[in-house]
Amino acid sequence: MSDQVGRHSLPTRPTAWYDAIGWQEPPPPTSGNYAAWQRALDADVTRLATSWTPGLTNWMNGRCV
């Protein structure tokens, strides 16, 4: 079997982690990440990671086509 099998499913670009605020208890508001997420969009990042998934999803509504 070739070592090339399945490589098509691997990402070609690394995922960028764009959380600007560290995790605390209680969790800080999602809004602390808005500026960092906007910089990611401005930089045309295609893979974005965050600990605030629901907040990112709501914030992205209407920003991407």
C-alpha atoms as a PDB file:
ATOM      1  CA  MET A   1       0.000   0.000   0.000  1.00  0.00           C
ATOM      2  CA  SER A   2       1.327   3.416  -0.885  1.00  0.00           C
ATOM      3  CA  ASP A   3       2.146   5.931   1.829  1.00  0.00           C
ATOM      4  CA  GLN A   4       0.169   8.428  -0.254  1.00  0.00           C
ATOM      5  CA  VAL A   5      -3.176   6.793   0.569  1.00  0.00           C
ATOM      6  CA  GLY A   6      -5.416   9.139   2.517  1.00  0.00           C
ATOM      7  CA  ARG A   7      -3.212  12.191   2.196  1.00  0.00           C
ATOM      8  CA  HIS A   8      -5.853  14.016   0.220  1.00  0.00           C
ATOM      9  CA  SER A   9      -7.824  14.449   3.444  1.00  0.00           C
ATOM     10  CA  LEU A  10      -5.024  16.178   5.345  1.00  0.00           C
ATOM     11  CA  PRO A  11      -5.194  19.965   5.567  1.00  0.00           C
ATOM     12  CA  THR A  12      -2.721  21.755   3.357  1.00  0.00           C
ATOM     13  CA  ARG A  13      -2.552  24.787   5.630  1.00  0.00           C
ATOM     14  CA  PRO A  14      -2.220  24.779   9.395  1.00  0.00           C
ATOM     15  CA  THR A  15      -5.154  25.843  11.531  1.00  0.00           C
ATOM     16  CA  ALA A  16      -4.697  29.310  13.011  1.00  0.00           C
ATOM     17  CA  TRP A  17      -5.660  29.764  16.676  1.00  0.00           C
ATOM     18  CA  TYR A  18      -7.046  33.285  16.999  1.00  0.00           C
ATOM     19  CA  ASP A  19      -8.320  33.508  20.566  1.00  0.00           C
ATOM     20  CA  ALA A  20      -7.043  36.779  22.002  1.00  0.00           C
ATOM     21  CA  ILE A  21      -8.063  36.159  25.590  1.00  0.00           C
ATOM     22  CA  GLY A  22      -7.069  33.255  27.800  1.00  0.00           C
ATOM     23  CA  TRP A  23      -9.553  30.896  29.372  1.00  0.00           C
ATOM     24  CA  GLN A  24     -10.644  31.773  32.887  1.00  0.00           C
ATOM     25  CA  GLU A  25     -13.365  30.724  35.301  1.00  0.00           C
ATOM     26  CA  PRO A  26     -15.931  32.039  34.892  1.00  0.00           C
ATOM     27  CA  PRO A  27     -15.337  32.234  31.142  1.00  0.00           C
ATOM     28  CA  PRO A  28     -14.662  35.743  29.842  1.00  0.00           C
ATOM     29  CA  PRO A  29     -17.079  37.211  27.293  1.00  0.00           C
ATOM     30  CA  THR A  30     -16.724  36.202  23.664  1.00  0.00           C
ATOM     31  CA  SER A  31     -16.434  39.860  22.677  1.00  0.00           C
ATOM     32  CA  GLY A  32     -12.796  39.868  23.832  1.00  0.00           C
ATOM     33  CA  ASN A  33     -11.961  37.894  20.682  1.00  0.00           C
ATOM     34  CA  TYR A  34     -13.834  39.986  18.104  1.00  0.00           C
ATOM     35  CA  ALA A  35     -10.808  42.077  17.057  1.00  0.00           C
ATOM     36  CA  ALA A  36      -8.590  38.980  16.694  1.00  0.00           C
ATOM     37  CA  TRP A  37     -11.242  37.194  14.651  1.00  0.00           C
ATOM     38  CA  GLN A  38     -11.586  40.241  12.406  1.00  0.00           C
ATOM     39  CA  ARG A  39      -7.795  40.224  11.854  1.00  0.00           C
ATOM     40  CA  ALA A  40      -8.099  36.568  10.833  1.00  0.00           C
ATOM     41  CA  LEU A  41     -10.762  37.423   8.257  1.00  0.00           C
ATOM     42  CA  ASP A  42      -8.721  40.369   7.007  1.00  0.00           C
ATOM     43  CA  ALA A  43      -5.714  38.034   6.612  1.00  0.00           C
ATOM     44  CA  ASP A  44      -7.881  35.615   4.573  1.00  0.00           C
ATOM     45  CA  VAL A  45      -7.355  32.765   7.055  1.00  0.00           C
ATOM     46  CA  THR A  46      -9.206  29.668   5.855  1.00  0.00           C
ATOM     47  CA  ARG A  47      -8.890  27.535   9.015  1.00  0.00           C
ATOM     48  CA  LEU A  48      -9.725  29.206  12.318  1.00  0.00           C
ATOM     49  CA  ALA A  49      -9.718  27.560  15.752  1.00  0.00           C
ATOM     50  CA  THR A  50     -11.310  28.947  18.913  1.00  0.00           C
ATOM     51  CA  SER A  51     -12.524  27.911  22.346  1.00  0.00           C
ATOM     52  CA  TRP A  52     -15.612  30.079  21.781  1.00  0.00           C
ATOM     53  CA  THR A  53     -17.243  28.082  18.974  1.00  0.00           C
ATOM     54  CA  PRO A  54     -20.857  29.258  19.494  1.00  0.00           C
ATOM     55  CA  GLY A  55     -19.662  32.858  19.863  1.00  0.00           C
ATOM     56  CA  LEU A  56     -17.580  32.635  16.677  1.00  0.00           C
ATOM     57  CA  THR A  57     -20.486  31.073  14.814  1.00  0.00           C
ATOM     58  CA  ASN A  58     -22.812  33.904  15.850  1.00  0.00           C
ATOM     59  CA  TRP A  59     -20.190  36.570  15.138  1.00  0.00           C
ATOM     60  CA  MET A  60     -19.484  35.136  11.663  1.00  0.00           C
ATOM     61  CA  ASN A  61     -23.158  35.274  10.671  1.00  0.00           C
ATOM     62  CA  GLY A  62     -23.320  37.530   7.610  1.00  0.00           C
ATOM     63  CA  ARG A  63     -19.555  38.103   7.375  1.00  0.00           C
ATOM     64  CA  CYS A  64     -18.689  35.291   4.970  1.00  0.00           C
ATOM     65  CA  VAL A  65     -20.186  34.349   1.650  1.00  0.00           C
END
